[in-house]
Amino acid sequence: MNALLKDIVNLNNWRKAFGNPKRFIEIFDERINSFPGTKFGYTNSKIIKRFYMNFYLFFAKKNKNFKEFFFDVEPDKNNINTNFNLNNDYNINEEHFQSLKKNGIIILENALKKEEHNKISETFAKFKRDLDNDNLDDYKDKNFSTLQGPPLFNIFTIKSELNSESNLKKINDQITKKIYGKPIHPSRSFGIHKATSLPDNHIVGDNVWHADKYLPNLKLLYFPHGVNSDGAPFRYALGSHKINKDYGNFFINKVRDASIENSEEEKKFIKNTRIFDVPPNTLIAALTNGFHSRTPFKKEMDRCCVFIMYSKFKLSSLISYWKYN
């Protein structure tokens, strides 16, 4: 909130707004209407944090789909399988959703048809060549960014609509309709981790246990080449996506970020964990308000992943819950 107020009183920002009204509206929408993260307006006041949380959770619980997946307590029964093979069916069935509801994650092998899988693999091959040749002109309008390592992380984002014939769209629409109440169009970010030296640095929000949001959140991760145990596979604390009193207090008491920082926090939230080595053409659907991270690299190698996220579900979407029920 303080950062927003500073931007509002900055005269340079107003000059830019009059010079490019369309961009001003886009930025205003991003700042005001973005789905709440874990910063609570950058305040450390527990009273204000609790107000924010109670306000947003009130609306989240009004969404019947959110209530089922994120708030309802699951009966104590045997673990439900997390790994499934789509076997050229590409339909997400009730067994898949039961696993997602209980565990917070499902692994979908053979996720895409051969042609679609090959096209994504070719996109990564071109990206690698362009990085090696320092030829990045094609990425200027795709929010290209680099995170210095080790490991080095390069990523760019595509915001265009998914092909109506693609299996990714079919899977995306089925899962988002079940989670949000309506199909949500995603953004797709193509990221390459390149581990050229070890050990792997501890990076907040990456290879340290963390949650992306304190509110219901979904992310899909597609691994065209798979990930083995040496190549920083994804890990998840099963069931940690359920939002309860202890979960809420964790975020209210945090000072810096939403990472697990000590053994007491780890004992409370990081219980039934699983590391997911996956074969090529695997899609992971994870409720990433639950605790997760990639694991550290064990060897010098590359890790390619398409990160599929849902910025189009905004604060206004959360508040207008009746449109999604």
C-alpha atoms as a PDB file:
ATOM      1  CA  MET A   1       0.000   0.000   0.000  1.00  0.00           C
ATOM      2  CA  ASN A   2       2.842   2.428   0.851  1.00  0.00           C
ATOM      3  CA  ALA A   3       4.513   1.718  -2.502  1.00  0.00           C
ATOM      4  CA  LEU A   4       1.214   2.369  -4.284  1.00  0.00           C
ATOM      5  CA  LEU A   5       0.731   5.712  -2.527  1.00  0.00           C
ATOM      6  CA  LYS A   6       4.269   6.767  -3.479  1.00  0.00           C
ATOM      7  CA  ASP A   7       3.550   5.958  -7.114  1.00  0.00           C
ATOM      8  CA  ILE A   8       0.295   7.938  -7.001  1.00  0.00           C
ATOM      9  CA  VAL A   9       2.002  11.150  -5.784  1.00  0.00           C
ATOM     10  CA  ASN A  10       4.931  10.777  -8.215  1.00  0.00           C
ATOM     11  CA  LEU A  11       4.477  13.480 -10.891  1.00  0.00           C
ATOM     12  CA  ASN A  12       6.589  11.556 -13.421  1.00  0.00           C
ATOM     13  CA  ASN A  13       4.080   8.715 -13.309  1.00  0.00           C
ATOM     14  CA  TRP A  14       1.260  11.131 -14.123  1.00  0.00           C
ATOM     15  CA  ARG A  15       3.227  12.527 -17.095  1.00  0.00           C
ATOM     16  CA  LYS A  16       3.706   8.988 -18.394  1.00  0.00           C
ATOM     17  CA  ALA A  17       0.011   8.300 -17.878  1.00  0.00           C
ATOM     18  CA  PHE A  18      -1.057  11.241 -20.048  1.00  0.00           C
ATOM     19  CA  GLY A  19       1.512  10.243 -22.664  1.00  0.00           C
ATOM     20  CA  ASN A  20       0.280   6.632 -22.908  1.00  0.00           C
ATOM     21  CA  PRO A  21      -3.233   6.283 -21.421  1.00  0.00           C
ATOM     22  CA  LYS A  22      -3.654   2.663 -22.570  1.00  0.00           C
ATOM     23  CA  ARG A  23      -0.511   1.543 -20.789  1.00  0.00           C
ATOM     24  CA  PHE A  24      -1.538   3.541 -17.724  1.00  0.00           C
ATOM     25  CA  ILE A  25      -4.842   1.647 -17.559  1.00  0.00           C
ATOM     26  CA  GLU A  26      -3.011  -1.676 -17.902  1.00  0.00           C
ATOM     27  CA  ILE A  27      -0.586  -0.833 -15.094  1.00  0.00           C
ATOM     28  CA  PHE A  28      -3.380   0.513 -12.895  1.00  0.00           C
ATOM     29  CA  ASP A  29      -5.303  -2.728 -13.361  1.00  0.00           C
ATOM     30  CA  GLU A  30      -2.181  -4.779 -12.579  1.00  0.00           C
ATOM     31  CA  ARG A  31      -1.535  -2.850  -9.364  1.00  0.00           C
ATOM     32  CA  ILE A  32      -5.087  -2.446  -8.059  1.00  0.00           C
ATOM     33  CA  ASN A  33      -6.829  -5.524  -9.431  1.00  0.00           C
ATOM     34  CA  SER A  34      -4.076  -8.160  -9.243  1.00  0.00           C
ATOM     35  CA  PHE A  35      -4.810 -11.302  -7.241  1.00  0.00           C
ATOM     36  CA  PRO A  36      -3.395 -10.790  -3.704  1.00  0.00           C
ATOM     37  CA  GLY A  37       0.062 -12.233  -3.048  1.00  0.00           C
ATOM     38  CA  THR A  38       1.880 -12.703   0.246  1.00  0.00           C
ATOM     39  CA  LYS A  39       3.096  -9.132   0.862  1.00  0.00           C
ATOM     40  CA  PHE A  40      -0.036  -7.734   2.568  1.00  0.00           C
ATOM     41  CA  GLY A  41       0.635  -4.306   1.100  1.00  0.00           C
ATOM     42  CA  TYR A  42       4.206  -4.498   2.450  1.00  0.00           C
ATOM     43  CA  THR A  43       3.066  -3.994   6.032  1.00  0.00           C
ATOM     44  CA  ASN A  44       4.420  -5.865   9.061  1.00  0.00           C
ATOM     45  CA  SER A  45       1.418  -5.020  11.234  1.00  0.00           C
ATOM     46  CA  LYS A  46      -0.265  -8.250  12.290  1.00  0.00           C
ATOM     47  CA  ILE A  47      -3.552  -6.400  12.788  1.00  0.00           C
ATOM     48  CA  ILE A  48      -3.539  -5.120   9.197  1.00  0.00           C
ATOM     49  CA  LYS A  49      -2.385  -8.490   7.864  1.00  0.00           C
ATOM     50  CA  ARG A  50      -5.216 -10.251   9.663  1.00  0.00           C
ATOM     51  CA  PHE A  51      -7.693  -7.727   8.271  1.00  0.00           C
ATOM     52  CA  TYR A  52      -6.445  -8.342   4.716  1.00  0.00           C
ATOM     53  CA  MET A  53      -6.532 -12.102   5.171  1.00  0.00           C
ATOM     54  CA  ASN A  54     -10.007 -12.245   6.730  1.00  0.00           C
ATOM     55  CA  PHE A  55     -11.385  -9.928   4.050  1.00  0.00           C
ATOM     56  CA  TYR A  56     -10.053 -11.970   1.120  1.00  0.00           C
ATOM     57  CA  LEU A  57     -10.742 -15.359   2.694  1.00  0.00           C
ATOM     58  CA  PHE A  58     -14.359 -14.334   3.267  1.00  0.00           C
ATOM     59  CA  PHE A  59     -14.809 -14.078  -0.501  1.00  0.00           C
ATOM     60  CA  ALA A  60     -12.652 -17.121  -1.281  1.00  0.00           C
ATOM     61  CA  LYS A  61     -14.927 -19.295   0.859  1.00  0.00           C
ATOM     62  CA  LYS A  62     -17.927 -18.016  -1.092  1.00  0.00           C
ATOM     63  CA  ASN A  63     -16.552 -19.684  -4.208  1.00  0.00           C
ATOM     64  CA  LYS A  64     -17.987 -23.219  -3.964  1.00  0.00           C
ATOM     65  CA  ASN A  65     -15.077 -24.714  -5.901  1.00  0.00           C
ATOM     66  CA  PHE A  66     -12.488 -23.037  -3.689  1.00  0.00           C
ATOM     67  CA  LYS A  67     -14.337 -24.232  -0.594  1.00  0.00           C
ATOM     68  CA  GLU A  68     -14.258 -27.828  -1.802  1.00  0.00           C
ATOM     69  CA  PHE A  69     -10.575 -27.889  -2.749  1.00  0.00           C
ATOM     70  CA  PHE A  70      -8.979 -25.535  -0.228  1.00  0.00           C
ATOM     71  CA  PHE A  71     -11.135 -25.334   2.889  1.00  0.00           C
ATOM     72  CA  ASP A  72     -13.108 -28.572   3.348  1.00  0.00           C
ATOM     73  CA  VAL A  73     -11.367 -31.041   5.643  1.00  0.00           C
ATOM     74  CA  GLU A  74     -10.682 -34.351   3.944  1.00  0.00           C
ATOM     75  CA  PRO A  75     -11.550 -37.582   5.784  1.00  0.00           C
ATOM     76  CA  ASP A  76      -8.528 -39.394   7.214  1.00  0.00           C
ATOM     77  CA  LYS A  77      -8.070 -42.300   4.814  1.00  0.00           C
ATOM     78  CA  ASN A  78      -5.359 -43.999   2.826  1.00  0.00           C
ATOM     79  CA  ASN A  79      -3.231 -41.872   0.553  1.00  0.00           C
ATOM     80  CA  ILE A  80      -4.695 -41.301  -2.881  1.00  0.00           C
ATOM     81  CA  ASN A  81      -2.490 -41.875  -5.906  1.00  0.00           C
ATOM     82  CA  THR A  82      -0.829 -38.736  -7.328  1.00  0.00           C
ATOM     83  CA  ASN A  83       0.479 -40.128 -10.637  1.00  0.00           C
ATOM     84  CA  PHE A  84      -1.658 -40.851 -13.672  1.00  0.00           C
ATOM     85  CA  ASN A  85      -1.117 -41.731 -17.327  1.00  0.00           C
ATOM     86  CA  LEU A  86      -3.531 -39.967 -19.663  1.00  0.00           C
ATOM     87  CA  ASN A  87      -3.073 -42.703 -22.294  1.00  0.00           C
ATOM     88  CA  ASN A  88      -4.241 -40.606 -25.256  1.00  0.00           C
ATOM     89  CA  ASP A  89      -7.530 -39.905 -23.479  1.00  0.00           C
ATOM     90  CA  TYR A  90      -6.693 -36.390 -22.235  1.00  0.00           C
ATOM     91  CA  ASN A  91      -9.784 -36.275 -20.044  1.00  0.00           C
ATOM     92  CA  ILE A  92      -9.378 -35.267 -16.402  1.00  0.00           C
ATOM     93  CA  ASN A  93     -11.723 -37.510 -14.448  1.00  0.00           C
ATOM     94  CA  GLU A  94     -13.063 -37.569 -10.898  1.00  0.00           C
ATOM     95  CA  GLU A  95     -10.177 -39.754  -9.672  1.00  0.00           C
ATOM     96  CA  HIS A  96      -7.725 -37.073 -10.787  1.00  0.00           C
ATOM     97  CA  PHE A  97      -9.717 -34.355  -9.044  1.00  0.00           C
ATOM     98  CA  GLN A  98     -10.021 -36.365  -5.835  1.00  0.00           C
ATOM     99  CA  SER A  99      -6.243 -36.638  -5.751  1.00  0.00           C
ATOM    100  CA  LEU A 100      -5.861 -32.922  -6.413  1.00  0.00           C
ATOM    101  CA  LYS A 101      -8.367 -32.126  -3.671  1.00  0.00           C
ATOM    102  CA  LYS A 102      -6.689 -34.348  -1.065  1.00  0.00           C
ATOM    103  CA  ASN A 103      -3.007 -34.077  -1.999  1.00  0.00           C
ATOM    104  CA  GLY A 104      -2.857 -30.678  -3.707  1.00  0.00           C
ATOM    105  CA  ILE A 105      -1.055 -32.118  -6.737  1.00  0.00           C
ATOM    106  CA  ILE A 106      -1.484 -34.515  -9.652  1.00  0.00           C
ATOM    107  CA  ILE A 107       1.114 -35.797 -12.107  1.00  0.00           C
ATOM    108  CA  LEU A 108      -0.185 -36.354 -15.654  1.00  0.00           C
ATOM    109  CA  GLU A 109       2.161 -38.385 -17.849  1.00  0.00           C
ATOM    110  CA  ASN A 110       1.793 -38.512 -21.655  1.00  0.00           C
ATOM    111  CA  ALA A 111      -0.013 -35.198 -21.292  1.00  0.00           C
ATOM    112  CA  LEU A 112       0.159 -33.857 -24.850  1.00  0.00           C
ATOM    113  CA  LYS A 113      -0.019 -35.304 -28.332  1.00  0.00           C
ATOM    114  CA  LYS A 114       3.259 -35.907 -30.136  1.00  0.00           C
ATOM    115  CA  GLU A 115       2.949 -32.883 -32.437  1.00  0.00           C
ATOM    116  CA  GLU A 116       2.217 -30.500 -29.551  1.00  0.00           C
ATOM    117  CA  HIS A 117       4.981 -31.961 -27.406  1.00  0.00           C
ATOM    118  CA  ASN A 118       7.479 -31.638 -30.279  1.00  0.00           C
ATOM    119  CA  LYS A 119       6.497 -28.010 -30.923  1.00  0.00           C
ATOM    120  CA  ILE A 120       7.200 -27.075 -27.294  1.00  0.00           C
ATOM    121  CA  SER A 121      10.502 -28.976 -27.404  1.00  0.00           C
ATOM    122  CA  GLU A 122      11.455 -27.024 -30.536  1.00  0.00           C
ATOM    123  CA  THR A 123      10.604 -23.739 -28.771  1.00  0.00           C
ATOM    124  CA  PHE A 124      13.070 -24.626 -26.010  1.00  0.00           C
ATOM    125  CA  ALA A 125      15.717 -25.700 -28.533  1.00  0.00           C
ATOM    126  CA  LYS A 126      15.444 -22.323 -30.287  1.00  0.00           C
ATOM    127  CA  PHE A 127      15.504 -20.494 -26.936  1.00  0.00           C
ATOM    128  CA  LYS A 128      18.732 -22.297 -25.989  1.00  0.00           C
ATOM    129  CA  ARG A 129      20.348 -21.435 -29.332  1.00  0.00           C
ATOM    130  CA  ASP A 130      19.308 -17.791 -29.024  1.00  0.00           C
ATOM    131  CA  LEU A 131      20.699 -17.585 -25.502  1.00  0.00           C
ATOM    132  CA  ASP A 132      24.004 -19.132 -26.588  1.00  0.00           C
ATOM    133  CA  ASN A 133      24.259 -16.701 -29.505  1.00  0.00           C
ATOM    134  CA  ASP A 134      23.045 -13.705 -27.478  1.00  0.00           C
ATOM    135  CA  ASN A 135      20.299 -13.259 -30.049  1.00  0.00           C
ATOM    136  CA  LEU A 136      17.329 -12.072 -27.971  1.00  0.00           C
ATOM    137  CA  ASP A 137      15.481  -9.776 -30.383  1.00  0.00           C
ATOM    138  CA  ASP A 138      12.533 -12.199 -30.564  1.00  0.00           C
ATOM    139  CA  TYR A 139      11.943 -11.853 -26.815  1.00  0.00           C
ATOM    140  CA  LYS A 140      11.815  -8.078 -26.365  1.00  0.00           C
ATOM    141  CA  ASP A 141       8.014  -8.035 -26.159  1.00  0.00           C
ATOM    142  CA  LYS A 142       7.766 -11.254 -24.087  1.00  0.00           C
ATOM    143  CA  ASN A 143       8.895 -10.052 -20.655  1.00  0.00           C
ATOM    144  CA  PHE A 144      12.255 -11.770 -21.008  1.00  0.00           C
ATOM    145  CA  SER A 145      14.237 -11.850 -17.769  1.00  0.00           C
ATOM    146  CA  THR A 146      17.356 -13.441 -16.328  1.00  0.00           C
ATOM    147  CA  LEU A 147      17.990 -14.506 -12.747  1.00  0.00           C
ATOM    148  CA  GLN A 148      21.695 -14.782 -12.057  1.00  0.00           C
ATOM    149  CA  GLY A 149      22.737 -18.035 -10.432  1.00  0.00           C
ATOM    150  CA  PRO A 150      23.999 -20.481  -9.883  1.00  0.00           C
ATOM    151  CA  PRO A 151      21.900 -21.764 -11.464  1.00  0.00           C
ATOM    152  CA  LEU A 152      21.301 -19.260 -14.247  1.00  0.00           C
ATOM    153  CA  PHE A 153      17.584 -18.899 -14.994  1.00  0.00           C
ATOM    154  CA  ASN A 154      16.249 -17.405 -18.239  1.00  0.00           C
ATOM    155  CA  ILE A 155      12.523 -17.060 -18.852  1.00  0.00           C
ATOM    156  CA  PHE A 156      10.099 -15.463 -21.301  1.00  0.00           C
ATOM    157  CA  THR A 157       6.297 -15.263 -21.316  1.00  0.00           C
ATOM    158  CA  ILE A 158       3.671 -15.790 -24.010  1.00  0.00           C
ATOM    159  CA  LYS A 159       0.252 -14.234 -23.381  1.00  0.00           C
ATOM    160  CA  SER A 160      -1.519 -15.279 -26.566  1.00  0.00           C
ATOM    161  CA  GLU A 161      -4.548 -17.547 -26.465  1.00  0.00           C
ATOM    162  CA  LEU A 162      -4.030 -21.303 -26.450  1.00  0.00           C
ATOM    163  CA  ASN A 163      -4.777 -23.033 -29.744  1.00  0.00           C
ATOM    164  CA  SER A 164      -8.372 -24.209 -29.598  1.00  0.00           C
ATOM    165  CA  GLU A 165      -7.308 -27.640 -30.906  1.00  0.00           C
ATOM    166  CA  SER A 166      -4.455 -28.137 -28.452  1.00  0.00           C
ATOM    167  CA  ASN A 167      -4.531 -30.748 -25.735  1.00  0.00           C
ATOM    168  CA  LEU A 168      -3.008 -28.228 -23.355  1.00  0.00           C
ATOM    169  CA  LYS A 169      -6.116 -26.080 -23.759  1.00  0.00           C
ATOM    170  CA  LYS A 170      -8.360 -29.090 -23.243  1.00  0.00           C
ATOM    171  CA  ILE A 171      -6.575 -30.044 -20.033  1.00  0.00           C
ATOM    172  CA  ASN A 172      -6.283 -26.418 -18.887  1.00  0.00           C
ATOM    173  CA  ASP A 173      -9.997 -25.762 -19.351  1.00  0.00           C
ATOM    174  CA  GLN A 174     -11.025 -28.901 -17.484  1.00  0.00           C
ATOM    175  CA  ILE A 175      -8.801 -28.195 -14.486  1.00  0.00           C
ATOM    176  CA  THR A 176      -9.446 -24.454 -14.223  1.00  0.00           C
ATOM    177  CA  LYS A 177     -13.204 -24.931 -14.506  1.00  0.00           C
ATOM    178  CA  LYS A 178     -13.087 -27.394 -11.612  1.00  0.00           C
ATOM    179  CA  ILE A 179     -10.845 -25.185  -9.460  1.00  0.00           C
ATOM    180  CA  TYR A 180     -12.091 -21.673 -10.243  1.00  0.00           C
ATOM    181  CA  GLY A 181     -15.607 -22.371 -11.482  1.00  0.00           C
ATOM    182  CA  LYS A 182     -14.911 -21.294 -15.076  1.00  0.00           C
ATOM    183  CA  PRO A 183     -12.164 -22.012 -17.625  1.00  0.00           C
ATOM    184  CA  ILE A 184      -9.377 -19.448 -17.186  1.00  0.00           C
ATOM    185  CA  HIS A 185      -6.966 -18.488 -19.957  1.00  0.00           C
ATOM    186  CA  PRO A 186      -3.354 -18.773 -18.732  1.00  0.00           C
ATOM    187  CA  SER A 187      -0.060 -17.104 -19.453  1.00  0.00           C
ATOM    188  CA  ARG A 188       2.772 -19.465 -20.371  1.00  0.00           C
ATOM    189  CA  SER A 189       6.352 -18.806 -19.328  1.00  0.00           C
ATOM    190  CA  PHE A 190       9.183 -20.821 -20.882  1.00  0.00           C
ATOM    191  CA  GLY A 191      11.981 -21.131 -18.368  1.00  0.00           C
ATOM    192  CA  ILE A 192      15.423 -22.743 -18.542  1.00  0.00           C
ATOM    193  CA  HIS A 193      17.441 -23.352 -15.395  1.00  0.00           C
ATOM    194  CA  LYS A 194      21.078 -23.884 -16.336  1.00  0.00           C
ATOM    195  CA  ALA A 195      23.228 -25.336 -13.573  1.00  0.00           C
ATOM    196  CA  THR A 196      26.863 -24.726 -14.516  1.00  0.00           C
ATOM    197  CA  SER A 197      28.367 -24.919 -11.035  1.00  0.00           C
ATOM    198  CA  LEU A 198      27.504 -26.580  -7.746  1.00  0.00           C
ATOM    199  CA  PRO A 199      26.357 -26.375  -5.040  1.00  0.00           C
ATOM    200  CA  ASP A 200      23.024 -24.832  -5.930  1.00  0.00           C
ATOM    201  CA  ASN A 201      22.385 -21.492  -4.199  1.00  0.00           C
ATOM    202  CA  HIS A 202      19.408 -21.225  -1.843  1.00  0.00           C
ATOM    203  CA  ILE A 203      16.930 -19.066  -3.766  1.00  0.00           C
ATOM    204  CA  VAL A 204      13.746 -17.828  -2.085  1.00  0.00           C
ATOM    205  CA  GLY A 205      10.665 -18.684  -4.089  1.00  0.00           C
ATOM    206  CA  ASP A 206      12.564 -21.298  -6.097  1.00  0.00           C
ATOM    207  CA  ASN A 207      14.460 -24.118  -4.364  1.00  0.00           C
ATOM    208  CA  VAL A 208      13.408 -23.266  -0.787  1.00  0.00           C
ATOM    209  CA  TRP A 209      10.090 -24.557   0.597  1.00  0.00           C
ATOM    210  CA  HIS A 210       7.535 -21.794   0.019  1.00  0.00           C
ATOM    211  CA  ALA A 211       3.937 -20.972  -0.859  1.00  0.00           C
ATOM    212  CA  ASP A 212       3.025 -18.689  -3.775  1.00  0.00           C
ATOM    213  CA  LYS A 213      -0.112 -17.258  -2.148  1.00  0.00           C
ATOM    214  CA  TYR A 214      -2.078 -17.454   1.098  1.00  0.00           C
ATOM    215  CA  LEU A 215      -5.220 -17.666  -1.043  1.00  0.00           C
ATOM    216  CA  PRO A 216      -6.291 -20.500  -3.372  1.00  0.00           C
ATOM    217  CA  ASN A 217      -3.821 -20.770  -6.234  1.00  0.00           C
ATOM    218  CA  LEU A 218      -3.207 -23.124  -9.157  1.00  0.00           C
ATOM    219  CA  LYS A 219      -0.122 -23.570 -11.313  1.00  0.00           C
ATOM    220  CA  LEU A 220       0.584 -26.065 -14.083  1.00  0.00           C
ATOM    221  CA  LEU A 221       4.146 -27.142 -14.851  1.00  0.00           C
ATOM    222  CA  TYR A 222       4.957 -28.879 -18.130  1.00  0.00           C
ATOM    223  CA  PHE A 223       8.254 -30.742 -18.526  1.00  0.00           C
ATOM    224  CA  PRO A 224       8.803 -31.594 -22.219  1.00  0.00           C
ATOM    225  CA  HIS A 225      12.095 -33.382 -21.511  1.00  0.00           C
ATOM    226  CA  GLY A 226      11.224 -34.771 -18.092  1.00  0.00           C
ATOM    227  CA  VAL A 227      13.286 -34.275 -14.925  1.00  0.00           C
ATOM    228  CA  ASN A 228      15.418 -36.904 -13.172  1.00  0.00           C
ATOM    229  CA  SER A 229      16.666 -36.913  -9.581  1.00  0.00           C
ATOM    230  CA  ASP A 230      19.842 -34.979 -10.518  1.00  0.00           C
ATOM    231  CA  GLY A 231      18.025 -32.249 -12.450  1.00  0.00           C
ATOM    232  CA  ALA A 232      16.100 -30.409  -9.713  1.00  0.00           C
ATOM    233  CA  PRO A 233      12.706 -32.190  -9.756  1.00  0.00           C
ATOM    234  CA  PHE A 234       9.615 -30.574  -8.248  1.00  0.00           C
ATOM    235  CA  ARG A 235       8.688 -31.405  -4.649  1.00  0.00           C
ATOM    236  CA  TYR A 236       5.468 -30.865  -2.746  1.00  0.00           C
ATOM    237  CA  ALA A 237       4.171 -31.224   0.830  1.00  0.00           C
ATOM    238  CA  LEU A 238       1.016 -33.249   0.263  1.00  0.00           C
ATOM    239  CA  GLY A 239      -2.094 -31.736   1.811  1.00  0.00           C
ATOM    240  CA  SER A 240      -0.388 -28.440   2.692  1.00  0.00           C
ATOM    241  CA  HIS A 241      -2.798 -26.505   0.440  1.00  0.00           C
ATOM    242  CA  LYS A 242      -5.625 -26.710   2.984  1.00  0.00           C
ATOM    243  CA  ILE A 243      -6.305 -23.279   4.465  1.00  0.00           C
ATOM    244  CA  ASN A 244      -6.935 -23.403   8.228  1.00  0.00           C
ATOM    245  CA  LYS A 245      -6.059 -21.418  11.360  1.00  0.00           C
ATOM    246  CA  ASP A 246      -2.437 -22.623  11.578  1.00  0.00           C
ATOM    247  CA  TYR A 247      -1.939 -21.911   7.900  1.00  0.00           C
ATOM    248  CA  GLY A 248      -3.263 -18.354   8.265  1.00  0.00           C
ATOM    249  CA  ASN A 249      -1.125 -17.654  11.337  1.00  0.00           C
ATOM    250  CA  PHE A 250       1.988 -18.734   9.429  1.00  0.00           C
ATOM    251  CA  PHE A 251       1.555 -15.863   6.962  1.00  0.00           C
ATOM    252  CA  ILE A 252       0.524 -13.314   9.559  1.00  0.00           C
ATOM    253  CA  ASN A 253       3.670 -14.020  11.605  1.00  0.00           C
ATOM    254  CA  LYS A 254       6.061 -13.900   8.632  1.00  0.00           C
ATOM    255  CA  VAL A 255       8.294 -10.839   8.360  1.00  0.00           C
ATOM    256  CA  ARG A 256      10.054 -11.367   5.017  1.00  0.00           C
ATOM    257  CA  ASP A 257       8.410 -13.875   2.699  1.00  0.00           C
ATOM    258  CA  ALA A 258       6.365 -17.062   2.566  1.00  0.00           C
ATOM    259  CA  SER A 259       9.322 -19.458   2.888  1.00  0.00           C
ATOM    260  CA  ILE A 260       9.829 -22.106   5.539  1.00  0.00           C
ATOM    261  CA  GLU A 261      12.672 -20.748   7.661  1.00  0.00           C
ATOM    262  CA  ASN A 262      13.084 -22.977  10.716  1.00  0.00           C
ATOM    263  CA  SER A 263      12.576 -26.505  12.022  1.00  0.00           C
ATOM    264  CA  GLU A 264       9.410 -25.549  13.924  1.00  0.00           C
ATOM    265  CA  GLU A 265       7.720 -24.314  10.721  1.00  0.00           C
ATOM    266  CA  GLU A 266       8.982 -27.332   8.829  1.00  0.00           C
ATOM    267  CA  LYS A 267       7.655 -29.745  11.466  1.00  0.00           C
ATOM    268  CA  LYS A 268       4.204 -28.127  11.311  1.00  0.00           C
ATOM    269  CA  PHE A 269       3.754 -27.752   7.537  1.00  0.00           C
ATOM    270  CA  ILE A 270       6.309 -29.946   5.713  1.00  0.00           C
ATOM    271  CA  LYS A 271       5.088 -33.400   6.637  1.00  0.00           C
ATOM    272  CA  ASN A 272       4.103 -35.840   3.917  1.00  0.00           C
ATOM    273  CA  THR A 273       6.520 -34.752   1.191  1.00  0.00           C
ATOM    274  CA  ARG A 274       7.182 -36.221  -2.213  1.00  0.00           C
ATOM    275  CA  ILE A 275       9.770 -35.551  -4.914  1.00  0.00           C
ATOM    276  CA  PHE A 276       8.521 -36.015  -8.457  1.00  0.00           C
ATOM    277  CA  ASP A 277      11.025 -37.360 -10.983  1.00  0.00           C
ATOM    278  CA  VAL A 278       8.991 -37.298 -14.181  1.00  0.00           C
ATOM    279  CA  PRO A 279       9.419 -38.652 -17.722  1.00  0.00           C
ATOM    280  CA  PRO A 280       9.238 -36.458 -20.835  1.00  0.00           C
ATOM    281  CA  ASN A 281       5.824 -35.012 -21.776  1.00  0.00           C
ATOM    282  CA  THR A 282       4.600 -34.731 -18.178  1.00  0.00           C
ATOM    283  CA  LEU A 283       2.271 -32.056 -16.822  1.00  0.00           C
ATOM    284  CA  ILE A 284       2.062 -31.312 -13.091  1.00  0.00           C
ATOM    285  CA  ALA A 285      -1.027 -29.578 -11.707  1.00  0.00           C
ATOM    286  CA  ALA A 286      -0.250 -28.161  -8.264  1.00  0.00           C
ATOM    287  CA  LEU A 287      -2.209 -26.027  -5.815  1.00  0.00           C
ATOM    288  CA  THR A 288       0.700 -23.732  -5.068  1.00  0.00           C
ATOM    289  CA  ASN A 289      -0.685 -21.996  -2.041  1.00  0.00           C
ATOM    290  CA  GLY A 290       0.575 -25.316  -0.667  1.00  0.00           C
ATOM    291  CA  PHE A 291       4.277 -25.620   0.191  1.00  0.00           C
ATOM    292  CA  HIS A 292       6.535 -26.622  -2.675  1.00  0.00           C
ATOM    293  CA  SER A 293       9.821 -25.934  -4.449  1.00  0.00           C
ATOM    294  CA  ARG A 294      12.192 -27.437  -6.932  1.00  0.00           C
ATOM    295  CA  THR A 295      14.995 -29.493  -5.367  1.00  0.00           C
ATOM    296  CA  PRO A 296      18.641 -28.421  -5.690  1.00  0.00           C
ATOM    297  CA  PHE A 297      20.611 -29.577  -8.708  1.00  0.00           C
ATOM    298  CA  LYS A 298      22.966 -32.502  -8.109  1.00  0.00           C
ATOM    299  CA  LYS A 299      24.704 -32.286 -11.488  1.00  0.00           C
ATOM    300  CA  GLU A 300      25.536 -29.553 -13.979  1.00  0.00           C
ATOM    301  CA  MET A 301      22.660 -29.685 -16.468  1.00  0.00           C
ATOM    302  CA  ASP A 302      19.598 -27.898 -17.873  1.00  0.00           C
ATOM    303  CA  ARG A 303      16.007 -27.997 -16.625  1.00  0.00           C
ATOM    304  CA  CYS A 304      13.275 -26.877 -19.055  1.00  0.00           C
ATOM    305  CA  CYS A 305       9.781 -26.106 -17.802  1.00  0.00           C
ATOM    306  CA  VAL A 306       6.677 -24.312 -19.061  1.00  0.00           C
ATOM    307  CA  PHE A 307       5.094 -22.454 -16.144  1.00  0.00           C
ATOM    308  CA  ILE A 308       1.343 -22.044 -16.704  1.00  0.00           C
ATOM    309  CA  MET A 309      -0.276 -19.407 -14.474  1.00  0.00           C
ATOM    310  CA  TYR A 310      -3.561 -17.548 -14.093  1.00  0.00           C
ATOM    311  CA  SER A 311      -3.154 -13.801 -13.691  1.00  0.00           C
ATOM    312  CA  LYS A 312      -6.508 -13.329 -15.469  1.00  0.00           C
ATOM    313  CA  PHE A 313      -8.226 -14.472 -12.267  1.00  0.00           C
ATOM    314  CA  LYS A 314      -7.998 -11.148 -10.462  1.00  0.00           C
ATOM    315  CA  LEU A 315      -9.118  -9.565  -7.221  1.00  0.00           C
ATOM    316  CA  SER A 316     -12.358  -8.561  -8.916  1.00  0.00           C
ATOM    317  CA  SER A 317     -12.844 -12.230  -9.902  1.00  0.00           C
ATOM    318  CA  LEU A 318     -12.442 -13.266  -6.266  1.00  0.00           C
ATOM    319  CA  ILE A 319     -14.957 -10.701  -5.038  1.00  0.00           C
ATOM    320  CA  SER A 320     -17.512 -11.420  -7.783  1.00  0.00           C
ATOM    321  CA  TYR A 321     -17.643 -15.062  -6.681  1.00  0.00           C
ATOM    322  CA  TRP A 322     -21.240 -15.579  -7.905  1.00  0.00           C
ATOM    323  CA  LYS A 323     -19.993 -15.413 -11.501  1.00  0.00           C
ATOM    324  CA  TYR A 324     -17.887 -18.523 -10.874  1.00  0.00           C
ATOM    325  CA  ASN A 325     -20.346 -20.620  -8.862  1.00  0.00           C
END
